[in-house]
N, C-alpha and C. Protein backbone atom coordinates (compact mmCIF):
# COMPACT_ATOMS: atom_id res chain seq x y z
N UNK A 1 20.07 -2.12 -5.98
CA UNK A 1 19.06 -1.98 -4.94
C UNK A 1 18.34 -3.27 -4.93
N UNK A 2 18.01 -3.40 -3.61
CA UNK A 2 17.18 -5.04 -3.36
C UNK A 2 15.99 -4.04 -2.39
N UNK A 3 15.16 -5.13 -3.43
CA UNK A 3 13.82 -4.39 -2.25
C UNK A 3 12.89 -6.03 -1.70
N UNK A 4 13.09 -5.73 -0.94
CA UNK A 4 12.25 -6.81 0.76
C UNK A 4 10.87 -6.87 0.67
N UNK A 5 10.38 -8.05 -0.11
CA UNK A 5 9.02 -7.85 -0.22
C UNK A 5 8.08 -9.06 -0.06
N UNK A 6 6.71 -9.16 0.47
CA UNK A 6 6.17 -10.48 0.21
C UNK A 6 4.82 -9.97 -0.97
N UNK A 7 4.41 -11.07 -1.85
CA UNK A 7 3.09 -10.83 -3.09
C UNK A 7 2.24 -10.35 -1.34
N UNK A 8 1.85 -10.54 -0.27
CA UNK A 8 0.53 -10.38 0.15
C UNK A 8 0.50 -8.68 0.54
N UNK A 9 1.70 -8.18 0.56
CA UNK A 9 2.38 -7.34 1.57
C UNK A 9 1.46 -5.72 0.51
N UNK A 10 0.55 -5.47 1.15
CA UNK A 10 0.03 -4.13 0.78
C UNK A 10 0.81 -3.04 0.80
N UNK A 11 1.44 -2.99 2.10
CA UNK A 11 2.79 -1.76 1.23
C UNK A 11 3.68 -2.05 0.37
N UNK A 12 4.15 -2.95 0.61
CA UNK A 12 5.50 -3.20 -0.22
C UNK A 12 4.32 -3.17 -1.80
N UNK A 13 3.14 -3.66 -2.35
CA UNK A 13 2.46 -3.25 -3.34
C UNK A 13 2.59 -1.97 -3.43
N UNK A 14 1.93 -0.81 -2.85
CA UNK A 14 2.49 0.50 -3.06
C UNK A 14 3.33 0.77 -3.53
N UNK A 15 5.05 0.26 -2.92
CA UNK A 15 6.50 0.53 -3.66
C UNK A 15 6.69 0.39 -4.76
N UNK A 16 5.95 -0.77 -5.13
CA UNK A 16 6.44 -1.78 -6.39
C UNK A 16 5.90 -0.59 -7.54
N UNK A 17 4.27 -0.34 -7.13
CA UNK A 17 3.97 0.55 -8.26
C UNK A 17 5.03 2.01 -8.63
N UNK A 18 5.66 2.37 -7.01
CA UNK A 18 6.37 3.53 -7.26
C UNK A 18 7.39 3.11 -8.65
N UNK A 19 7.69 1.74 -7.29
CA UNK A 19 9.21 1.42 -8.83
C UNK A 19 8.95 1.20 -10.71
N UNK A 20 7.98 0.71 -10.54
CA UNK A 20 7.10 0.70 -11.53
C UNK A 20 7.17 2.15 -12.63
N UNK A 21 6.58 2.49 -11.99
CA UNK A 21 6.39 3.68 -12.83
C UNK A 21 7.54 4.41 -13.23
N UNK A 22 8.81 4.35 -11.96
CA UNK A 22 10.14 5.66 -12.65
C UNK A 22 10.21 4.08 -13.66
N UNK A 23 10.21 3.00 -13.48
CA UNK A 23 11.25 2.28 -14.26
C UNK A 23 12.07 1.08 -13.58
N UNK A 24 12.32 1.18 -12.73
CA UNK A 24 13.45 0.70 -11.99
C UNK A 24 12.88 -0.74 -11.66
N UNK A 25 13.85 -2.06 -11.76
CA UNK A 25 13.61 -2.83 -11.81
C UNK A 25 14.49 -3.42 -10.94
N UNK A 26 13.92 -3.34 -8.93
CA UNK A 26 14.92 -3.30 -8.45
C UNK A 26 15.48 -5.37 -7.81
N UNK A 27 16.94 -5.69 -7.45
CA UNK A 27 16.23 -7.27 -6.93
C UNK A 27 15.18 -7.41 -6.33
N UNK A 28 14.09 -8.48 -6.73
CA UNK A 28 13.46 -8.60 -4.96
C UNK A 28 13.95 -10.28 -4.35
N UNK A 29 13.82 -9.59 -2.61
CA UNK A 29 14.10 -10.65 -1.78
C UNK A 29 13.04 -10.85 -1.06
N UNK A 30 12.49 -12.58 -1.03
CA UNK A 30 10.89 -12.65 -0.70
C UNK A 30 11.05 -12.72 0.73
N UNK A 31 10.43 -12.08 2.08
CA UNK A 31 10.23 -12.87 3.21
C UNK A 31 8.36 -12.86 3.49
N UNK A 32 8.43 -14.56 3.27
CA UNK A 32 7.26 -15.10 3.98
C UNK A 32 6.39 -14.34 4.81
N UNK A 33 5.78 -13.78 4.81
CA UNK A 33 4.96 -12.80 6.12
C UNK A 33 4.21 -14.24 6.87
N UNK A 34 3.44 -15.06 5.50
CA UNK A 34 2.92 -16.26 6.37
C UNK A 34 3.59 -17.11 6.94
N UNK A 35 4.44 -17.51 7.01
CA UNK A 35 5.49 -18.50 7.69
C UNK A 35 6.76 -17.82 8.33
N UNK A 36 6.19 -16.32 8.88
CA UNK A 36 6.71 -15.61 10.06
C UNK A 36 8.66 -15.02 9.85
N UNK A 37 8.80 -15.46 8.26
CA UNK A 37 10.37 -15.28 7.89
C UNK A 37 10.61 -13.53 8.45
N UNK A 38 9.14 -12.56 8.35
CA UNK A 38 9.93 -11.27 9.23
C UNK A 38 10.70 -11.22 11.02
N UNK A 39 10.62 -12.47 11.50
CA UNK A 39 10.93 -12.31 12.65
C UNK A 39 11.93 -13.65 12.83
N UNK A 40 12.67 -13.64 11.22
CA UNK A 40 13.88 -14.24 10.96
C UNK A 40 15.19 -13.18 11.44
N UNK A 41 16.70 -13.38 12.26
CA UNK A 41 17.22 -12.80 12.70
C UNK A 41 17.87 -11.58 11.65
N UNK A 42 17.76 -12.53 10.50
CA UNK A 42 17.85 -12.34 9.09
C UNK A 42 17.79 -10.86 8.28
N UNK A 43 16.41 -10.77 8.77
CA UNK A 43 15.64 -9.96 8.09
C UNK A 43 15.17 -8.49 9.37
N UNK A 44 15.47 -9.34 10.25
CA UNK A 44 15.61 -8.19 11.95
C UNK A 44 16.62 -6.98 11.70
N UNK A 45 17.89 -7.63 11.21
CA UNK A 45 19.18 -6.95 11.12
C UNK A 45 18.50 -5.82 9.92
N UNK A 46 17.67 -5.91 9.10
CA UNK A 46 17.18 -5.19 8.30
C UNK A 46 16.43 -4.55 8.58
N UNK A 47 15.27 -4.25 9.21
CA UNK A 47 14.32 -4.00 9.60
C UNK A 47 13.92 -4.13 11.41
N UNK A 48 14.00 -3.84 11.70
CA UNK A 48 13.69 -4.24 13.58
C UNK A 48 12.90 -3.91 13.57
N UNK A 49 11.92 -3.43 13.68
CA UNK A 49 10.42 -3.10 13.27
C UNK A 49 10.00 -4.87 12.58
N UNK A 50 10.43 -5.26 12.31
CA UNK A 50 10.14 -7.40 11.50
C UNK A 50 8.51 -6.54 10.72
N UNK A 51 8.93 -5.45 9.57
CA UNK A 51 7.44 -5.04 8.65
C UNK A 51 8.38 -4.89 7.00
N UNK A 52 6.98 -5.37 5.91
CA UNK A 52 7.83 -4.85 4.72
C UNK A 52 6.84 -3.50 4.39
N UNK A 53 7.69 -2.82 3.70
CA UNK A 53 8.98 -3.32 2.64
C UNK A 53 10.11 -2.64 3.74
N UNK A 54 10.59 -3.30 2.86
CA UNK A 54 12.42 -2.44 3.06
C UNK A 54 13.14 -1.96 1.71
N UNK A 55 13.35 -1.21 1.77
CA UNK A 55 14.80 -1.30 0.06
C UNK A 55 16.42 -0.32 0.46
N UNK A 56 17.15 -1.13 0.03
CA UNK A 56 18.37 -1.33 0.10
C UNK A 56 19.03 -0.44 -0.96
N UNK A 57 19.38 0.23 -0.98
CA UNK A 57 19.79 1.59 -2.51
C UNK A 57 21.58 1.56 -2.08
N UNK A 58 22.18 0.88 -3.20
CA UNK A 58 23.54 1.69 -3.17
C UNK A 58 24.24 0.66 -1.21
N UNK A 59 24.81 1.29 -0.55
CA UNK A 59 25.56 0.92 0.70
C UNK A 59 24.54 0.33 1.18
N UNK A 60 23.25 0.91 2.15
CA UNK A 60 22.51 0.90 3.10
C UNK A 60 22.64 2.42 3.66
N UNK A 61 22.02 2.01 4.98
CA UNK A 61 20.87 0.61 5.93
C UNK A 61 19.50 1.27 4.94
N UNK A 62 18.76 0.16 5.54
CA UNK A 62 18.20 -0.20 4.49
C UNK A 62 16.76 1.42 4.62
N UNK A 63 16.25 1.44 4.01
CA UNK A 63 15.16 2.42 3.97
C UNK A 63 13.68 1.13 4.93
N UNK A 64 12.84 2.26 4.83
CA UNK A 64 11.82 1.11 5.81
C UNK A 64 10.36 2.90 5.75
N UNK A 65 9.37 2.20 5.44
CA UNK A 65 7.91 2.80 5.67
C UNK A 65 7.74 2.62 4.37
N UNK A 66 6.87 2.21 4.25
CA UNK A 66 6.11 2.04 2.26
C UNK A 66 5.97 4.86 1.82
N UNK A 67 5.77 4.84 2.37
CA UNK A 67 5.76 6.53 2.38
C UNK A 67 7.08 7.38 2.23
N UNK A 68 7.64 6.91 3.05
CA UNK A 68 9.13 7.24 3.36
C UNK A 68 9.79 6.54 1.59
N UNK A 69 9.83 5.71 1.64
CA UNK A 69 10.53 5.25 0.27
C UNK A 69 10.06 5.99 -1.02
N UNK A 70 8.58 5.70 -1.08
CA UNK A 70 8.12 5.68 -2.32
C UNK A 70 8.67 7.43 -2.04
N UNK A 71 8.09 8.05 -1.21
CA UNK A 71 8.97 9.93 -1.43
C UNK A 71 10.18 9.72 -1.96
N UNK A 72 10.76 9.05 -1.04
CA UNK A 72 12.96 9.43 -1.44
C UNK A 72 12.97 8.17 -3.22
N UNK A 73 12.35 7.09 -3.39
CA UNK A 73 12.44 6.84 -4.70
C UNK A 73 11.89 8.06 -5.96
N UNK A 74 11.35 9.09 -5.68
CA UNK A 74 10.55 10.10 -5.68
C UNK A 74 11.53 11.60 -6.62
N UNK A 75 12.12 11.62 -5.63
CA UNK A 75 13.37 12.52 -4.82
C UNK A 75 14.63 11.69 -5.65
N UNK A 76 15.00 11.06 -5.90
CA UNK A 76 16.31 10.55 -6.57
C UNK A 76 15.79 10.69 -7.81
N UNK A 77 14.54 9.81 -8.71
CA UNK A 77 14.29 9.37 -9.81
C UNK A 77 13.10 10.49 -10.05
N UNK A 78 12.83 11.38 -10.07
CA UNK A 78 11.68 12.75 -9.93
C UNK A 78 10.33 12.43 -11.31
N UNK A 79 11.05 11.98 -12.40
CA UNK A 79 10.27 11.79 -13.51
C UNK A 79 9.75 10.05 -13.54
N UNK A 80 8.16 9.89 -14.07
CA UNK A 80 7.18 11.20 -13.61
C UNK A 80 6.92 11.74 -12.68
N UNK A 81 6.85 12.29 -12.12
CA UNK A 81 6.81 13.45 -10.09
C UNK A 81 5.74 12.95 -10.07
N UNK A 82 5.14 12.01 -8.34
CA UNK A 82 4.54 11.68 -7.35
C UNK A 82 4.01 12.91 -7.11
N UNK A 83 3.95 13.45 -6.81
CA UNK A 83 3.23 14.78 -5.94
C UNK A 83 3.41 15.90 -6.60
N UNK A 84 2.18 16.67 -6.25
CA UNK A 84 2.03 17.86 -7.44
C UNK A 84 3.07 18.92 -7.16
N UNK A 85 2.92 19.84 -7.66
CA UNK A 85 3.96 21.07 -6.75
C UNK A 85 3.41 22.76 -5.91
N UNK A 86 2.25 21.93 -6.46
CA UNK A 86 1.39 23.78 -5.51
C UNK A 86 1.58 22.23 -4.30
N UNK A 87 1.82 23.75 -2.81
CA UNK A 87 2.15 23.26 -1.67
C UNK A 87 0.43 22.54 -1.19
N UNK A 88 -0.07 22.96 -0.88
CA UNK A 88 -1.99 22.73 -0.54
C UNK A 88 -2.10 21.67 -1.18
N UNK A 89 -1.89 21.41 -2.46
CA UNK A 89 -2.09 19.91 -3.59
C UNK A 89 -1.48 19.06 -3.11
N UNK A 90 0.26 19.56 -2.76
CA UNK A 90 0.90 18.07 -1.70
C UNK A 90 0.13 17.81 -0.94
N UNK A 91 -0.31 18.88 -0.67
CA UNK A 91 -0.71 18.20 1.63
C UNK A 91 -2.25 17.97 1.38
N UNK A 92 -2.98 17.70 0.25
CA UNK A 92 -3.95 17.38 0.16
C UNK A 92 -3.64 15.47 0.01
N UNK A 93 -2.66 15.41 -0.97
CA UNK A 93 -1.93 14.34 -1.67
C UNK A 93 -1.43 13.22 -1.00
N UNK A 94 -0.48 14.18 0.09
CA UNK A 94 0.08 13.27 1.51
C UNK A 94 -1.17 12.61 2.16
N UNK A 95 -2.03 13.83 2.70
CA UNK A 95 -3.35 13.43 3.45
C UNK A 95 -4.50 12.29 2.90
N UNK A 96 -4.50 12.10 1.76
CA UNK A 96 -5.24 11.43 1.62
C UNK A 96 -4.71 10.25 1.15
N UNK A 97 -2.80 9.61 1.30
CA UNK A 97 -2.61 8.81 1.20
C UNK A 97 -2.47 8.20 2.27
N UNK A 98 -2.26 8.80 3.73
CA UNK A 98 -1.59 9.06 4.76
C UNK A 98 -3.26 8.25 5.26
N UNK A 99 -4.10 8.67 4.92
CA UNK A 99 -5.57 8.25 5.69
C UNK A 99 -5.59 6.97 5.72
N UNK A 100 -4.81 6.06 4.22
CA UNK A 100 -4.53 4.58 3.96
C UNK A 100 -3.77 4.29 4.62
N UNK A 101 -2.18 4.81 4.55
CA UNK A 101 -0.57 4.15 4.86
C UNK A 101 -0.97 4.03 6.63
N UNK A 102 -1.33 5.38 6.97
CA UNK A 102 -1.27 5.49 8.48
C UNK A 102 -2.86 5.05 9.38
N UNK A 103 -3.81 5.63 8.70
CA UNK A 103 -5.04 5.09 10.09
C UNK A 103 -5.61 4.11 9.87
N UNK A 104 -5.66 3.50 8.41
CA UNK A 104 -5.75 2.44 8.23
C UNK A 104 -5.49 1.03 8.48
N UNK A 105 -4.09 0.82 7.20
CA UNK A 105 -3.15 -0.15 7.23
C UNK A 105 -2.46 -1.02 8.23
N UNK A 106 -2.12 0.21 8.83
CA UNK A 106 -1.70 -0.38 10.72
C UNK A 106 -2.14 -1.65 11.00
N UNK A 107 -3.46 -1.77 11.31
CA UNK A 107 -5.06 -2.03 12.57
C UNK A 107 -5.07 -3.20 11.34
N UNK A 108 -4.61 -3.28 10.63
CA UNK A 108 -4.63 -5.00 9.45
C UNK A 108 -3.69 -5.80 8.87
N UNK A 109 -2.93 -5.00 9.86
CA UNK A 109 -1.54 -5.57 9.04
C UNK A 109 -1.56 -7.59 10.17
N UNK A 110 -0.51 -8.36 9.70
CA UNK A 110 -0.31 -9.49 9.78
C UNK A 110 -0.28 -9.47 11.38
N UNK A 111 0.33 -9.09 11.96
CA UNK A 111 1.09 -8.41 13.40
C UNK A 111 -0.63 -8.74 14.31
N UNK A 112 -0.62 -7.54 14.08
CA UNK A 112 -1.77 -7.08 14.63
C UNK A 112 -3.43 -8.14 15.01
N UNK A 113 -3.26 -8.85 13.40
CA UNK A 113 -4.41 -10.11 13.23
C UNK A 113 -3.64 -11.00 14.71
N UNK A 114 -2.33 -11.47 14.27
CA UNK A 114 -2.19 -12.62 15.27
C UNK A 114 -2.69 -11.59 16.59
N UNK A 115 -1.90 -10.96 16.93
CA UNK A 115 -2.17 -10.63 18.45
C UNK A 115 -3.30 -10.47 18.84
N UNK A 116 -4.59 -10.09 17.89
CA UNK A 116 -5.85 -10.27 18.84
C UNK A 116 -6.03 -11.16 18.50
N UNK A 117 -5.79 -12.74 17.57
CA UNK A 117 -6.09 -14.10 18.13
C UNK A 117 -5.81 -14.66 19.57
N UNK A 118 -3.92 -14.39 19.40
CA UNK A 118 -3.16 -15.10 20.07
C UNK A 118 -3.51 -14.20 21.60
N UNK A 119 -3.50 -12.28 21.80
CA UNK A 119 -3.71 -12.77 23.31
C UNK A 119 -4.82 -12.64 23.76
N UNK A 120 -6.41 -12.13 22.50
CA UNK A 120 -7.12 -11.57 23.22
C UNK A 120 -8.45 -12.61 23.13
N UNK A 121 -7.73 -13.85 22.22
CA UNK A 121 -8.55 -15.34 21.70
C UNK A 121 -9.64 -15.13 20.44
N UNK A 122 -9.91 -13.83 19.80
CA UNK A 122 -10.65 -13.52 19.14
C UNK A 122 -10.55 -14.48 17.88
N UNK A 123 -11.77 -14.98 17.61
CA UNK A 123 -11.82 -15.71 15.78
C UNK A 123 -11.13 -15.55 15.36
N UNK A 124 -11.11 -16.36 14.41
CA UNK A 124 -11.11 -16.04 12.65
C UNK A 124 -11.95 -14.89 11.50
N UNK A 125 -13.10 -15.30 12.62
CA UNK A 125 -14.24 -14.14 12.07
C UNK A 125 -14.53 -13.23 12.57
N UNK A 126 -14.10 -12.73 13.89
CA UNK A 126 -13.64 -12.07 14.55
C UNK A 126 -12.65 -11.31 14.00
N UNK A 127 -12.00 -11.34 14.02
CA UNK A 127 -10.74 -11.10 13.15
C UNK A 127 -11.04 -10.53 12.22
N UNK A 128 -11.55 -11.33 11.37
CA UNK A 128 -11.98 -10.57 10.13
C UNK A 128 -12.80 -9.39 10.05
N UNK A 129 -14.49 -9.33 10.61
CA UNK A 129 -14.69 -8.51 11.04
C UNK A 129 -14.25 -7.44 11.27
N UNK A 130 -12.74 -7.07 12.65
CA UNK A 130 -12.49 -6.63 12.41
C UNK A 130 -11.05 -5.31 11.11
N UNK A 131 -11.00 -6.44 10.47
CA UNK A 131 -10.83 -5.91 9.71
C UNK A 131 -11.41 -5.46 8.34
N UNK A 132 -12.36 -5.87 8.51
CA UNK A 132 -12.97 -5.30 7.42
C UNK A 132 -13.91 -3.89 8.31
N UNK A 133 -13.84 -3.89 9.70
CA UNK A 133 -14.13 -2.84 10.08
C UNK A 133 -13.12 -1.54 9.17
N UNK A 134 -12.04 -1.79 9.61
CA UNK A 134 -11.25 -0.54 9.91
C UNK A 134 -10.71 0.00 7.94
N UNK A 135 -10.92 -1.63 6.95
CA UNK A 135 -10.50 -1.14 5.65
C UNK A 135 -12.03 -0.96 5.14
N UNK A 136 -12.76 -0.67 5.47
CA UNK A 136 -14.81 0.29 5.69
C UNK A 136 -14.48 1.61 6.32
N UNK A 137 -13.85 1.79 7.75
CA UNK A 137 -12.98 3.51 8.15
C UNK A 137 -12.51 4.04 6.39
N UNK A 138 -11.67 4.09 6.33
CA UNK A 138 -10.53 4.60 5.09
C UNK A 138 -11.74 4.96 3.63
N UNK A 139 -12.16 3.76 3.76
CA UNK A 139 -13.04 3.81 2.13
C UNK A 139 -14.04 5.10 2.18
N UNK A 140 -14.55 4.82 3.59
CA UNK A 140 -15.27 5.94 3.47
C UNK A 140 -15.08 6.99 4.20
N UNK A 141 -14.06 7.96 3.92
CA UNK A 141 -13.09 8.91 4.45
C UNK A 141 -12.30 9.21 3.14
N UNK A 142 -12.21 8.87 2.83
CA UNK A 142 -11.34 8.59 0.74
C UNK A 142 -12.43 9.13 -0.10
N UNK A 143 -14.06 7.81 -0.21
CA UNK A 143 -15.07 8.67 -0.79
C UNK A 143 -15.83 9.93 -0.26
N UNK A 144 -15.62 10.34 1.06
CA UNK A 144 -16.32 11.61 1.60
C UNK A 144 -15.39 13.20 0.76
N UNK A 145 -14.04 12.72 0.44
CA UNK A 145 -13.34 13.51 0.72
C UNK A 145 -13.08 13.85 -1.64
N UNK A 146 -12.68 12.22 -1.97
CA UNK A 146 -13.27 12.32 -3.45
C UNK A 146 -14.14 12.67 -3.91
N UNK A 147 -15.16 12.02 -3.63
CA UNK A 147 -16.36 12.56 -4.30
C UNK A 147 -17.26 13.87 -4.87
N UNK A 148 -16.41 14.55 -3.42
CA UNK A 148 -16.91 16.46 -2.55
C UNK A 148 -16.20 17.51 -3.17
N UNK A 149 -15.02 17.27 -3.06
CA UNK A 149 -13.40 18.00 -3.17
C UNK A 149 -13.63 17.80 -4.76
N UNK A 150 -12.93 19.62 -5.42
CA UNK A 150 -13.06 20.05 -6.71
C UNK A 150 -11.64 19.42 -7.89
N UNK A 151 -10.58 19.14 -6.18
CA UNK A 151 -9.66 18.95 -7.19
C UNK A 151 -9.56 17.48 -7.26
N UNK A 152 -10.46 16.59 -7.23
CA UNK A 152 -10.77 15.19 -8.01
C UNK A 152 -10.17 15.47 -9.17
N UNK A 153 -10.27 14.14 -9.86
CA UNK A 153 -10.16 14.36 -11.41
C UNK A 153 -10.35 13.05 -11.22
N UNK A 154 -9.19 12.19 -12.52
CA UNK A 154 -9.47 11.58 -13.25
C UNK A 154 -9.14 10.50 -11.89
N UNK A 155 -7.59 10.96 -11.39
CA UNK A 155 -7.38 10.47 -9.87
C UNK A 155 -6.99 11.30 -8.78
N UNK A 156 -6.87 10.97 -7.93
CA UNK A 156 -7.15 11.18 -6.68
C UNK A 156 -6.78 13.08 -6.76
N UNK A 157 -5.85 13.81 -7.35
CA UNK A 157 -5.86 14.49 -7.47
C UNK A 157 -5.42 15.38 -9.37
N UNK A 158 -6.40 15.62 -8.96
CA UNK A 158 -6.56 15.82 -11.04
C UNK A 158 -7.00 15.01 -12.26
N UNK A 159 -5.68 14.90 -13.52
CA UNK A 159 -5.22 14.17 -13.65
C UNK A 159 -3.64 13.85 -13.90
N UNK A 160 -2.96 14.02 -12.44
CA UNK A 160 -1.18 13.21 -12.54
C UNK A 160 -2.08 12.28 -11.64
N UNK A 161 -0.83 11.30 -11.51
CA UNK A 161 -0.96 10.09 -10.96
C UNK A 161 0.05 10.11 -9.39
N UNK A 162 -0.21 10.43 -8.08
CA UNK A 162 -0.10 10.88 -7.36
C UNK A 162 0.45 9.51 -6.40
N UNK A 163 1.14 9.80 -5.40
CA UNK A 163 0.91 8.99 -3.95
C UNK A 163 -0.25 8.67 -3.68
N UNK A 164 -0.96 9.22 -3.61
CA UNK A 164 -2.83 9.39 -2.86
C UNK A 164 -3.21 7.98 -3.97
N UNK A 165 -2.88 8.06 -5.44
CA UNK A 165 -3.66 7.03 -6.19
C UNK A 165 -2.46 5.98 -5.68
N UNK A 166 -1.86 5.85 -5.52
CA UNK A 166 -1.47 4.22 -5.21
C UNK A 166 -1.57 3.92 -3.85
N UNK A 167 -1.52 4.44 -2.89
CA UNK A 167 -2.07 4.20 -1.53
C UNK A 167 -3.94 3.48 -1.84
N UNK A 168 -4.88 4.11 -2.28
CA UNK A 168 -5.63 3.80 -2.90
C UNK A 168 -5.65 2.46 -3.23
N UNK A 169 -5.10 2.41 -4.65
CA UNK A 169 -4.99 0.79 -5.43
C UNK A 169 -5.00 0.10 -4.60
N UNK A 170 -4.20 0.23 -2.86
CA UNK A 170 -3.98 -1.15 -2.33
C UNK A 170 -5.03 -1.29 -1.28
N UNK A 171 -5.43 0.04 -0.80
CA UNK A 171 -6.19 0.29 0.23
C UNK A 171 -7.48 -0.76 -0.72
N UNK A 172 -7.94 -0.50 -2.30
CA UNK A 172 -8.73 -1.59 -2.42
C UNK A 172 -8.95 -3.21 -2.59
N UNK A 173 -7.17 -3.20 -2.65
CA UNK A 173 -7.01 -4.90 -3.09
C UNK A 173 -6.75 -5.37 -1.91
N UNK A 174 -6.69 -4.40 -0.68
CA UNK A 174 -7.19 -5.33 0.96
C UNK A 174 -8.03 -5.08 0.89
N UNK A 175 -9.16 -4.67 0.27
CA UNK A 175 -10.83 -4.46 1.04
C UNK A 175 -11.13 -6.45 -0.03
N UNK A 176 -10.54 -6.04 -1.20
CA UNK A 176 -10.62 -7.22 -2.20
C UNK A 176 -10.90 -8.64 -1.26
N UNK A 177 -9.45 -8.70 -0.81
CA UNK A 177 -9.17 -9.73 -0.19
C UNK A 177 -9.40 -9.84 1.14
N UNK A 178 -9.95 -8.75 3.05
CA UNK A 178 -11.18 -8.73 3.17
C UNK A 178 -12.69 -9.10 2.57
N UNK A 179 -13.10 -9.48 1.80
CA UNK A 179 -13.95 -9.77 1.28
C UNK A 179 -15.42 -7.77 1.48
N UNK A 180 -14.76 -6.70 1.52
CA UNK A 180 -15.54 -6.14 1.50
C UNK A 180 -16.32 -5.65 0.77
N UNK A 181 -17.13 -5.16 1.09
CA UNK A 181 -18.12 -4.28 -0.71
C UNK A 181 -17.99 -2.99 -0.44
N UNK A 182 -17.76 -3.23 -2.40
CA UNK A 182 -17.25 -1.97 -2.28
C UNK A 182 -18.37 -0.92 -2.54
N UNK A 183 -18.97 -1.32 -2.98
CA UNK A 183 -20.58 -0.27 -3.58
C UNK A 183 -20.38 0.66 -2.84
N UNK A 184 -20.51 0.63 -2.02
CA UNK A 184 -20.55 2.29 -1.35
C UNK A 184 -20.07 3.25 -1.60
N UNK A 185 -18.83 3.14 -2.58
CA UNK A 185 -18.02 3.77 -2.50
C UNK A 185 -17.18 4.06 -4.05
N UNK A 186 -17.59 4.37 -4.19
CA UNK A 186 -18.14 4.56 -6.04
C UNK A 186 -17.32 5.45 -7.21
N UNK A 187 -16.36 6.49 -6.24
CA UNK A 187 -15.40 7.48 -7.00
C UNK A 187 -14.34 6.37 -6.45
N UNK A 188 -14.41 5.97 -5.38
CA UNK A 188 -12.70 5.37 -5.06
C UNK A 188 -12.40 3.88 -6.29
N UNK A 189 -14.23 3.18 -6.35
CA UNK A 189 -14.25 2.11 -7.33
C UNK A 189 -13.61 3.10 -8.50
N UNK A 190 -14.01 4.27 -9.10
CA UNK A 190 -13.67 4.91 -10.39
C UNK A 190 -12.09 4.66 -10.24
N UNK A 191 -11.48 5.20 -9.59
CA UNK A 191 -10.22 5.93 -9.87
C UNK A 191 -9.18 4.51 -9.37
N UNK A 192 -9.77 3.73 -9.32
CA UNK A 192 -8.95 2.52 -8.65
C UNK A 192 -8.94 1.83 -9.65
N UNK A 193 -10.34 1.83 -10.75
CA UNK A 193 -10.62 1.28 -11.96
C UNK A 193 -9.10 2.02 -13.38
N UNK A 194 -9.98 3.37 -13.52
CA UNK A 194 -7.84 4.03 -14.11
C UNK A 194 -7.21 3.97 -13.67
N UNK A 195 -6.32 3.43 -12.63
CA UNK A 195 -5.07 3.15 -12.53
C UNK A 195 -4.69 1.35 -12.89
N UNK A 196 -6.19 0.46 -12.49
CA UNK A 196 -5.67 -0.90 -13.13
C UNK A 196 -5.68 -0.66 -14.65
N UNK A 197 -5.76 0.88 -15.36
CA UNK A 197 -5.25 0.09 -17.13
C UNK A 197 -3.91 0.42 -16.55
N UNK A 198 -3.44 0.94 -16.11
CA UNK A 198 -1.76 1.47 -16.54
C UNK A 198 -1.47 0.02 -16.24
N UNK A 199 -0.29 -0.28 -16.66
CA UNK A 199 0.42 -0.95 -16.54
C UNK A 199 1.34 -1.73 -15.18
N UNK A 200 2.08 -0.18 -15.46
CA UNK A 200 2.69 0.24 -13.48
C UNK A 200 1.92 -0.53 -12.47
N UNK A 201 0.80 -0.28 -12.48
CA UNK A 201 -0.10 -1.33 -11.09
C UNK A 201 -0.60 -2.63 -11.99
N UNK A 202 -0.46 -2.90 -12.77
CA UNK A 202 -1.53 -3.84 -13.36
C UNK A 202 -0.09 -5.16 -12.66
N UNK A 203 0.99 -4.87 -13.13
CA UNK A 203 2.21 -5.50 -13.04
C UNK A 203 2.23 -5.82 -11.75
N UNK A 204 1.91 -4.80 -10.60
CA UNK A 204 2.62 -4.78 -9.10
C UNK A 204 1.68 -5.41 -8.28
N UNK A 205 0.43 -5.36 -9.27
CA UNK A 205 -0.59 -6.02 -8.15
C UNK A 205 -0.35 -7.14 -7.37
N UNK A 206 -0.73 -7.75 -6.13
CA UNK A 206 -0.14 -8.87 -4.94
C UNK A 206 -0.30 -10.13 -5.79
N UNK A 207 -1.76 -10.31 -6.26
CA UNK A 207 -1.88 -11.83 -7.47
C UNK A 207 -0.91 -11.70 -8.67
N UNK A 208 -0.57 -10.58 -9.04
CA UNK A 208 0.64 -11.17 -9.88
C UNK A 208 2.47 -10.92 -9.19
N UNK A 209 2.58 -10.98 -8.46
CA UNK A 209 4.01 -11.56 -7.82
C UNK A 209 3.89 -13.67 -7.79
N UNK A 210 5.38 -13.83 -8.15
CA UNK A 210 5.45 -14.83 -7.57
C UNK A 210 5.15 -15.51 -6.91
N UNK A 211 4.63 -16.28 -6.32
CA UNK A 211 4.23 -17.20 -5.53
C UNK A 211 2.56 -17.52 -4.50
N UNK A 212 2.54 -15.79 -5.34
CA UNK A 212 0.59 -15.23 -5.00
C UNK A 212 -0.38 -16.75 -5.62
N UNK A 213 -1.24 -16.81 -5.28
CA UNK A 213 -2.25 -17.78 -5.73
C UNK A 213 -2.81 -17.15 -6.23
N UNK A 214 -3.85 -17.73 -7.60
CA UNK A 214 -5.15 -18.09 -8.24
C UNK A 214 -6.09 -15.92 -8.07
N UNK A 215 -6.14 -16.55 -6.91
CA UNK A 215 -7.52 -15.84 -5.87
C UNK A 215 -7.12 -15.84 -4.51
N UNK A 216 -7.49 -14.83 -3.56
CA UNK A 216 -7.34 -15.13 -1.69
C UNK A 216 -8.92 -15.29 -1.62
């Protein structure tokens, strides 16, 4: 198994958490997003979208998109499960996860920030404001769901760690990267703190990866 990764990639962070929870240790192949290596022909052959993560398990082809990879991992290695068994609970968990992975994160990835800068001449402060806005939008949505819905427990869905918690952890990490004030989101903060105490989450954190700086 090979994982194409970069320390700052929040989507790859999600996959690393899942792999750690399952006790899997793939070979890690770095694709440096800051140096544009995702546009190299070698990686384009792996993922034509030129985005991380990508996972090769066996002969390939590569799997892509973090939630698709995580659900594959969960199906092939079902213990511990990352989705609840009840259909409505599964839908809720997937919805919370997609609020991050589909509604917010795609708007703040490097290719979007680079396009804003190159095409529309938005300065660094403006790009940062853009990223902060979309982080706050997702955090507000998460907080409203998690603070008001009865299924919330220690984690997003009761006492079971799920893909919703994996995505929440990545959202909080990204918010910290972009200096978003997390004070207005106490339920999100509480769940993120519970996740951070779990070794699989702690080891997967972007700042714990090879090549990462001490802080961002």
